[in-house]
Amino acid sequence: MPRQINFLLSGATGILGSHILFELLHHFAMQNLSGKIGLIVRPASGSGHLKNNRIEQMLNSEFIPEYLKSFSTEELLKPVFLIQKELHEVGEADFPAAFADAVFIHAAASVNLANSKAVFQEIEFNNFDGTLSVLMKSLPFLKKFVYISTAYATGHRNGLIGNDFLSFDGCSFRNPYESFKNKTEKSVVGICEKNSVDWQILRPSIICGRTLDQPLFFTPRFPVFYLIGKYFYLLKKCSLYNPHIRIYAPENSGLNIVPVDYVARAIVRLIFQEYKQVNLVHSSHFNISDLFRIGLQEINYEHFTLVSEPIANPHISERRYENVINSQLQPYLETPAHDFDSGIIREIMSDFPEPDIYLHFSGLIRFAIGQHFKAIY
């Protein structure tokens, strides 16, 4: 007998949210689960036809996971209903009759790592106010709220970073994105406990394309470290000459990178567990110098030098690079040496070997190049 459970999912057309949806749809199609899946989807600009078909278009993409291809789109969409509104606009009237005891996986978020007044206001409105608004409006229908935060919500911190961020004080945040994720976590817990709703906070690190199964390397968008590849890809494509650029890459600095399908599968497994806070991370970091060397080799950009100290007198091409890339990523390049506790995710995903990001990194960049670093949906 399938397990009866209702779901709400926000951010279903995003990088991680779409893969969470793929996992849920597979469980429903295989009759492991039954019930309803409500999708809170931001309306697309354009005609009504386009607005009504964002999820359907996504499921008809050539990049749908192989495990869903034996099911028709109609079969996959049977349990789905859409709430096509901004988070702030969702109200109790948007939920169907008899919809109750739902698990709400809140994956929608604006991801902007820059520091400015405009970004602060954008992140506060979308990520903080939007989350609390949709949580309050959906409380009558919930038994559990799963907040997808970030492993970097702990801020600029060294040493071993455990799964409990809520008890840690003294965070030094790199940007509004991190600070509002941290603030939202605490507010979510307070609201849920006041209203006797179970809660869970799951924190992915930096997400890359698929590595568990086909289509390998796929991701619908190319943020964070992919932005470096995109910059040099466009520079090589658009310039009559390729300027030599010195790139600041501190020794021993690294990024914690995890594949999107690995994280999505872990999330769907974790919602049936009692863990309250979980780092969805890799057990080791990907070295920044290797990221540049491997990535730029795939792009065939040869005119660069990695330097371990900030560049004192950048020339015009280096200033452009710094304005575009380092304005968001430099604080992460200068992060103190640290490791995330990956024990829980490895327990949950013990039937899969931990993804080898070094083994797959060239493929991840080649996939992005093949898509010209343009969003797929």
Protein backbone atom coordinates (compact mmCIF):
# COMPACT_ATOMS: atom_id res chain seq x y z
CA MET A 1 0.00 0.00 0.00
CA PRO A 2 1.33 3.47 -0.86
CA ARG A 3 1.96 5.83 2.02
CA GLN A 4 -0.71 8.57 2.06
CA ILE A 5 0.82 12.02 2.41
CA ASN A 6 0.24 15.47 0.94
CA PHE A 7 3.04 17.79 -0.10
CA LEU A 8 3.59 21.45 -0.79
CA LEU A 9 6.69 22.48 -2.72
CA SER A 10 7.88 25.98 -3.54
CA GLY A 11 10.59 26.73 -6.07
CA ALA A 12 9.64 23.78 -8.29
CA THR A 13 11.08 25.39 -11.42
CA GLY A 14 14.39 26.20 -9.73
CA ILE A 15 17.62 24.19 -9.72
CA LEU A 16 17.05 22.23 -6.53
CA GLY A 17 13.25 22.52 -6.40
CA SER A 18 12.83 20.91 -9.83
CA HIS A 19 14.93 17.93 -8.74
CA ILE A 20 12.97 17.58 -5.50
CA LEU A 21 9.84 17.51 -7.66
CA PHE A 22 11.37 14.83 -9.91
CA GLU A 23 12.03 12.67 -6.85
CA LEU A 24 8.50 13.13 -5.50
CA LEU A 25 6.87 12.43 -8.87
CA HIS A 26 8.85 9.22 -9.18
CA HIS A 27 7.65 8.02 -5.76
CA PHE A 28 4.05 8.81 -6.70
CA ALA A 29 4.33 7.21 -10.15
CA MET A 30 5.82 4.07 -8.56
CA GLN A 31 2.94 4.12 -6.05
CA ASN A 32 5.25 4.38 -3.06
CA LEU A 33 3.32 7.52 -2.09
CA SER A 34 -0.20 8.79 -2.70
CA GLY A 35 -1.92 12.08 -2.06
CA LYS A 36 -1.56 15.55 -3.55
CA ILE A 37 1.48 17.64 -4.51
CA GLY A 38 0.79 21.36 -4.42
CA LEU A 39 3.31 23.49 -6.31
CA ILE A 40 3.67 27.17 -5.49
CA VAL A 41 5.00 28.51 -8.76
CA ARG A 42 5.84 32.11 -9.55
CA PRO A 43 3.80 33.19 -12.59
CA ALA A 44 5.83 33.54 -15.76
CA SER A 45 5.70 36.72 -17.77
CA GLY A 46 3.95 36.42 -21.13
CA SER A 47 0.75 34.83 -22.27
CA GLY A 48 -1.64 32.81 -20.16
CA HIS A 49 -0.72 29.72 -22.16
CA LEU A 50 2.88 30.00 -21.03
CA LYS A 51 1.84 30.68 -17.46
CA ASN A 52 -0.23 27.51 -17.31
CA ASN A 53 2.47 25.26 -18.71
CA ARG A 54 5.72 25.97 -16.86
CA ILE A 55 5.70 22.62 -15.05
CA GLU A 56 4.49 20.72 -18.09
CA GLN A 57 7.22 22.27 -20.24
CA MET A 58 9.80 21.30 -17.64
CA LEU A 59 8.57 17.69 -17.62
CA ASN A 60 8.72 17.60 -21.41
CA SER A 61 12.34 18.75 -21.45
CA GLU A 62 14.93 16.45 -23.00
CA PHE A 63 16.74 16.65 -19.67
CA ILE A 64 14.06 14.98 -17.58
CA PRO A 65 15.65 12.23 -15.42
CA GLU A 66 15.86 8.84 -17.09
CA TYR A 67 13.82 7.24 -14.31
CA LEU A 68 10.78 9.36 -15.28
CA LYS A 69 10.85 8.72 -19.00
CA SER A 70 8.75 5.54 -18.82
CA PHE A 71 5.81 7.64 -17.53
CA SER A 72 3.72 10.05 -19.57
CA THR A 73 3.47 13.69 -18.57
CA GLU A 74 -0.22 13.12 -17.83
CA GLU A 75 0.64 10.28 -15.44
CA LEU A 76 3.25 12.36 -13.66
CA LEU A 77 0.93 15.33 -13.25
CA LYS A 78 -1.99 13.35 -11.78
CA PRO A 79 -1.25 14.27 -8.12
CA VAL A 80 -0.22 17.86 -8.91
CA PHE A 81 -2.13 21.08 -8.39
CA LEU A 82 -0.70 24.54 -9.02
CA ILE A 83 -0.77 27.70 -6.97
CA GLN A 84 0.52 30.23 -9.48
CA LYS A 85 1.27 33.15 -7.20
CA GLU A 86 4.12 34.98 -5.56
CA LEU A 87 4.84 33.77 -2.02
CA HIS A 88 3.31 36.91 -0.49
CA GLU A 89 0.08 36.40 -2.45
CA VAL A 90 -0.66 32.83 -1.33
CA GLY A 91 -3.77 32.55 0.86
CA GLU A 92 -5.89 29.85 2.49
CA ALA A 93 -8.35 29.96 -0.41
CA ASP A 94 -5.63 28.63 -2.75
CA PHE A 95 -5.66 25.20 -1.12
CA PRO A 96 -8.16 22.55 -2.26
CA ALA A 97 -10.83 21.06 -0.02
CA ALA A 98 -9.68 18.18 2.19
CA PHE A 99 -6.03 19.17 1.76
CA ALA A 100 -4.44 18.66 5.18
CA ASP A 101 -1.47 17.29 7.14
CA ALA A 102 0.94 18.32 4.42
CA VAL A 103 4.71 18.37 4.38
CA PHE A 104 5.79 21.74 2.99
CA ILE A 105 9.27 21.70 1.37
CA HIS A 106 10.15 25.37 0.95
CA ALA A 107 12.91 25.55 -1.65
CA ALA A 108 12.09 28.90 -3.28
CA ALA A 109 14.68 31.64 -2.74
CA SER A 110 16.46 34.49 -4.43
CA VAL A 111 20.17 33.68 -4.65
CA ASN A 112 22.25 36.83 -4.94
CA LEU A 113 25.61 36.88 -3.18
CA ALA A 114 26.36 40.56 -3.78
CA ASN A 115 26.41 43.29 -1.15
CA SER A 116 24.32 46.38 -1.82
CA LYS A 117 21.26 48.13 -0.47
CA ALA A 118 19.19 46.89 -3.41
CA VAL A 119 20.27 43.29 -2.85
CA PHE A 120 19.55 43.60 0.87
CA GLN A 121 16.00 44.73 0.11
CA GLU A 122 15.50 42.03 -2.53
CA ILE A 123 16.67 39.26 -0.21
CA GLU A 124 14.69 40.58 2.76
CA PHE A 125 11.48 40.78 0.71
CA ASN A 126 11.76 37.46 -1.13
CA ASN A 127 13.63 35.19 1.26
CA PHE A 128 12.66 36.46 4.70
CA ASP A 129 9.27 38.17 4.36
CA GLY A 130 8.16 35.76 1.62
CA THR A 131 9.00 32.67 3.67
CA LEU A 132 7.25 33.87 6.81
CA SER A 133 4.21 35.00 4.84
CA VAL A 134 3.69 31.68 3.03
CA LEU A 135 4.38 29.72 6.23
CA MET A 136 1.76 31.66 8.19
CA LYS A 137 -0.85 31.30 5.43
CA SER A 138 -0.28 27.54 5.08
CA LEU A 139 -0.17 26.66 8.80
CA PRO A 140 -3.74 25.27 8.89
CA PHE A 141 -2.76 22.64 6.32
CA LEU A 142 0.65 21.60 7.66
CA LYS A 143 2.07 18.87 9.80
CA LYS A 144 5.70 19.63 8.87
CA PHE A 145 7.65 22.55 7.42
CA VAL A 146 10.97 21.73 5.75
CA TYR A 147 13.06 24.84 5.19
CA ILE A 148 15.82 24.59 2.60
CA SER A 149 18.50 26.91 3.91
CA THR A 150 22.23 26.95 3.08
CA ALA A 151 25.34 25.49 4.66
CA TYR A 152 26.74 29.01 4.53
CA ALA A 153 24.02 30.36 6.84
CA THR A 154 26.61 29.93 9.60
CA GLY A 155 28.66 32.75 8.07
CA HIS A 156 32.42 33.25 7.86
CA ARG A 157 33.62 30.56 10.26
CA ASN A 158 36.52 28.15 10.64
CA GLY A 159 37.01 24.69 12.13
CA LEU A 160 34.50 21.84 12.05
CA ILE A 161 30.98 23.10 11.39
CA GLY A 162 28.36 20.82 12.90
CA ASN A 163 24.70 20.43 11.98
CA ASP A 164 23.37 22.65 14.77
CA PHE A 165 23.50 26.27 13.61
CA LEU A 166 20.64 27.43 15.80
CA SER A 167 22.71 27.21 18.98
CA PHE A 168 25.68 29.06 17.47
CA ASP A 169 26.08 32.79 18.07
CA GLY A 170 28.61 35.26 16.77
CA CYS A 171 28.17 34.62 13.04
CA SER A 172 30.04 36.93 10.66
CA PHE A 173 28.07 36.96 7.43
CA ARG A 174 29.50 37.60 3.98
CA ASN A 175 26.33 39.03 2.44
CA PRO A 176 22.57 39.58 2.98
CA TYR A 177 21.78 36.18 1.47
CA GLU A 178 23.55 34.39 4.33
CA SER A 179 22.32 36.69 7.10
CA PHE A 180 18.68 36.42 6.06
CA LYS A 181 18.90 32.64 5.69
CA ASN A 182 20.11 32.52 9.30
CA LYS A 183 17.44 34.94 10.50
CA THR A 184 14.74 33.04 8.59
CA GLU A 185 15.77 29.72 10.15
CA LYS A 186 15.26 31.08 13.65
CA SER A 187 11.93 32.71 12.77
CA VAL A 188 10.65 29.53 11.10
CA VAL A 189 11.47 27.45 14.18
CA GLY A 190 9.72 29.95 16.44
CA ILE A 191 6.54 30.00 14.33
CA CYS A 192 6.42 26.22 13.95
CA GLU A 193 6.94 25.50 17.63
CA LYS A 194 4.34 28.09 18.63
CA ASN A 195 1.81 26.42 16.32
CA SER A 196 2.75 22.76 17.06
CA VAL A 197 4.03 22.15 13.52
CA ASP A 198 7.04 19.86 13.09
CA TRP A 199 10.04 21.50 11.43
CA GLN A 200 13.29 20.59 9.74
CA ILE A 201 16.13 22.74 8.40
CA LEU A 202 18.21 21.24 5.59
CA ARG A 203 21.30 23.08 4.40
CA PRO A 204 22.88 22.35 1.00
CA SER A 205 26.28 23.78 0.20
CA ILE A 206 27.06 24.94 -3.38
CA ILE A 207 25.06 22.91 -5.89
CA CYS A 208 26.36 21.55 -9.19
CA GLY A 209 24.84 19.37 -11.92
CA ARG A 210 23.72 15.75 -11.67
CA THR A 211 26.20 12.92 -11.01
CA LEU A 212 24.07 10.01 -9.71
CA ASP A 213 22.25 9.06 -12.90
CA GLN A 214 21.23 10.28 -16.33
CA PRO A 215 21.19 12.95 -17.59
CA LEU A 216 24.64 13.36 -16.06
CA PHE A 217 25.90 16.89 -15.37
CA PHE A 218 22.51 18.51 -16.05
CA THR A 219 21.44 21.58 -14.14
CA PRO A 220 18.85 24.03 -15.48
CA ARG A 221 20.89 27.10 -14.48
CA PHE A 222 24.50 27.97 -13.87
CA PRO A 223 25.11 30.09 -10.75
CA VAL A 224 28.00 30.57 -8.28
CA PHE A 225 31.18 28.86 -9.56
CA TYR A 226 29.63 28.42 -13.02
CA LEU A 227 29.69 32.23 -13.29
CA ILE A 228 33.49 32.07 -13.53
CA GLY A 229 33.26 29.69 -16.47
CA LYS A 230 30.58 31.84 -18.11
CA TYR A 231 32.72 34.96 -17.78
CA PHE A 232 35.71 33.44 -19.55
CA TYR A 233 33.52 31.61 -22.07
CA LEU A 234 31.96 34.92 -23.16
CA LEU A 235 35.30 36.75 -23.01
CA LYS A 236 36.88 34.21 -25.35
CA LYS A 237 33.85 34.23 -27.64
CA CYS A 238 33.40 37.99 -27.87
CA SER A 239 36.94 39.37 -27.74
CA LEU A 240 39.22 39.83 -30.71
CA TYR A 241 42.02 38.95 -28.36
CA ASN A 242 42.16 37.12 -25.04
CA PRO A 243 43.75 39.40 -22.45
CA HIS A 244 46.06 37.86 -19.91
CA ILE A 245 44.32 37.99 -16.54
CA ARG A 246 45.78 37.45 -13.10
CA ILE A 247 43.24 35.62 -10.96
CA TYR A 248 43.23 35.85 -7.20
CA ALA A 249 43.03 32.29 -5.83
CA PRO A 250 44.28 32.05 -2.22
CA GLU A 251 46.26 28.93 -1.37
CA ASN A 252 44.27 26.13 0.25
CA SER A 253 40.92 27.89 -0.24
CA GLY A 254 38.02 25.77 -1.46
CA LEU A 255 34.31 25.49 -2.11
CA ASN A 256 32.05 22.76 -0.80
CA ILE A 257 30.21 21.45 -3.87
CA VAL A 258 27.43 18.82 -3.99
CA PRO A 259 25.42 17.47 -6.95
CA VAL A 260 21.80 18.55 -7.24
CA ASP A 261 20.38 15.03 -7.61
CA TYR A 262 22.36 13.80 -4.58
CA VAL A 263 20.93 16.64 -2.48
CA ALA A 264 17.36 16.27 -3.78
CA ARG A 265 17.30 12.55 -3.07
CA ALA A 266 18.68 13.14 0.42
CA ILE A 267 15.98 15.75 1.10
CA VAL A 268 13.13 13.43 0.14
CA ARG A 269 14.60 10.70 2.35
CA LEU A 270 15.19 13.08 5.26
CA ILE A 271 11.62 14.34 5.44
CA PHE A 272 10.66 10.95 6.88
CA GLN A 273 13.43 11.14 9.50
CA GLU A 274 13.56 12.84 12.88
CA TYR A 275 16.71 14.89 12.26
CA LYS A 276 16.06 18.59 12.83
CA GLN A 277 19.11 20.20 11.23
CA VAL A 278 21.26 18.59 8.53
CA ASN A 279 24.25 19.74 6.50
CA LEU A 280 23.73 18.57 2.89
CA VAL A 281 27.40 18.80 2.03
CA HIS A 282 30.44 16.99 0.71
CA SER A 283 32.97 15.64 3.18
CA SER A 284 35.76 17.64 1.49
CA HIS A 285 36.18 20.88 -0.37
CA PHE A 286 37.04 21.46 -4.01
CA ASN A 287 40.27 23.45 -4.24
CA ILE A 288 39.82 26.90 -5.80
CA SER A 289 43.02 26.67 -7.84
CA ASP A 290 41.88 23.35 -9.30
CA LEU A 291 38.50 24.88 -10.10
CA PHE A 292 40.18 27.54 -12.23
CA ARG A 293 42.69 25.22 -13.86
CA ILE A 294 40.20 22.52 -14.83
CA GLY A 295 37.41 24.92 -15.75
CA LEU A 296 39.50 27.23 -17.93
CA GLN A 297 41.15 24.25 -19.60
CA GLU A 298 37.69 23.06 -20.70
CA ILE A 299 36.92 26.55 -21.99
CA ASN A 300 40.32 26.60 -23.70
CA TYR A 301 41.24 29.91 -22.10
CA GLU A 302 45.01 29.88 -21.61
CA HIS A 303 45.91 33.47 -20.83
CA PHE A 304 45.69 33.53 -17.06
CA THR A 305 47.90 33.30 -14.00
CA LEU A 306 46.74 32.26 -10.54
CA VAL A 307 48.09 34.44 -7.73
CA SER A 308 47.77 33.89 -4.00
CA GLU A 309 47.54 37.57 -2.99
CA PRO A 310 44.98 40.25 -3.97
CA ILE A 311 46.04 42.16 -7.08
CA ALA A 312 47.24 45.65 -6.15
CA ASN A 313 47.13 47.30 -9.58
CA PRO A 314 44.68 45.46 -11.82
CA HIS A 315 44.57 46.42 -15.48
CA ILE A 316 41.24 47.14 -17.17
CA SER A 317 40.40 43.51 -18.03
CA GLU A 318 41.24 42.42 -14.48
CA ARG A 319 39.03 45.20 -13.07
CA ARG A 320 36.13 43.98 -15.22
CA TYR A 321 36.65 40.45 -13.93
CA GLU A 322 36.76 41.64 -10.33
CA ASN A 323 33.60 43.74 -10.76
CA VAL A 324 31.65 40.84 -12.23
CA ILE A 325 33.02 37.84 -10.28
CA ASN A 326 34.88 38.90 -7.17
CA SER A 327 32.11 41.26 -6.09
CA GLN A 328 30.17 38.10 -5.18
CA LEU A 329 32.73 35.34 -4.80
CA GLN A 330 35.82 36.90 -3.20
CA PRO A 331 34.48 36.50 0.38
CA TYR A 332 34.17 32.76 -0.31
CA LEU A 333 37.69 32.61 -1.72
CA GLU A 334 38.96 34.06 1.56
CA THR A 335 36.99 31.77 3.86
CA PRO A 336 39.05 30.38 6.77
CA ALA A 337 39.92 26.68 6.66
CA HIS A 338 36.85 24.68 7.72
CA ASP A 339 34.96 21.44 7.22
CA PHE A 340 31.27 20.63 7.44
CA ASP A 341 30.09 17.61 9.40
CA SER A 342 28.75 15.31 6.65
CA GLY A 343 27.91 12.35 8.89
CA ILE A 344 24.10 12.50 8.61
CA ILE A 345 23.90 12.86 4.84
CA ARG A 346 26.35 10.00 4.39
CA GLU A 347 24.18 7.86 6.68
CA ILE A 348 21.04 8.77 4.72
CA MET A 349 22.77 8.20 1.35
CA SER A 350 24.91 5.23 2.38
CA ASP A 351 23.68 3.14 -0.58
CA PHE A 352 25.45 5.61 -2.91
CA PRO A 353 29.17 6.36 -2.91
CA GLU A 354 29.90 9.97 -2.12
CA PRO A 355 30.10 11.83 -5.46
CA ASP A 356 33.64 12.48 -6.70
CA ILE A 357 33.48 16.12 -7.75
CA TYR A 358 37.02 16.00 -9.15
CA LEU A 359 36.06 13.07 -11.38
CA HIS A 360 33.00 14.89 -12.71
CA PHE A 361 34.13 18.52 -12.80
CA SER A 362 35.23 18.56 -16.44
CA GLY A 363 31.91 17.04 -17.45
CA LEU A 364 30.00 19.63 -15.43
CA ILE A 365 31.79 22.47 -17.21
CA ARG A 366 31.43 20.82 -20.64
CA PHE A 367 27.67 20.53 -20.10
CA ALA A 368 27.47 24.24 -19.25
CA ILE A 369 29.50 25.09 -22.35
CA GLY A 370 27.17 22.98 -24.46
CA GLN A 371 24.26 25.09 -23.19
CA HIS A 372 26.25 28.32 -23.64
CA PHE A 373 25.72 28.87 -19.89
CA LYS A 374 22.08 29.80 -20.64
CA ALA A 375 19.16 28.81 -18.43
CA ILE A 376 17.26 25.77 -19.74
CA TYR A 377 14.01 26.44 -17.87
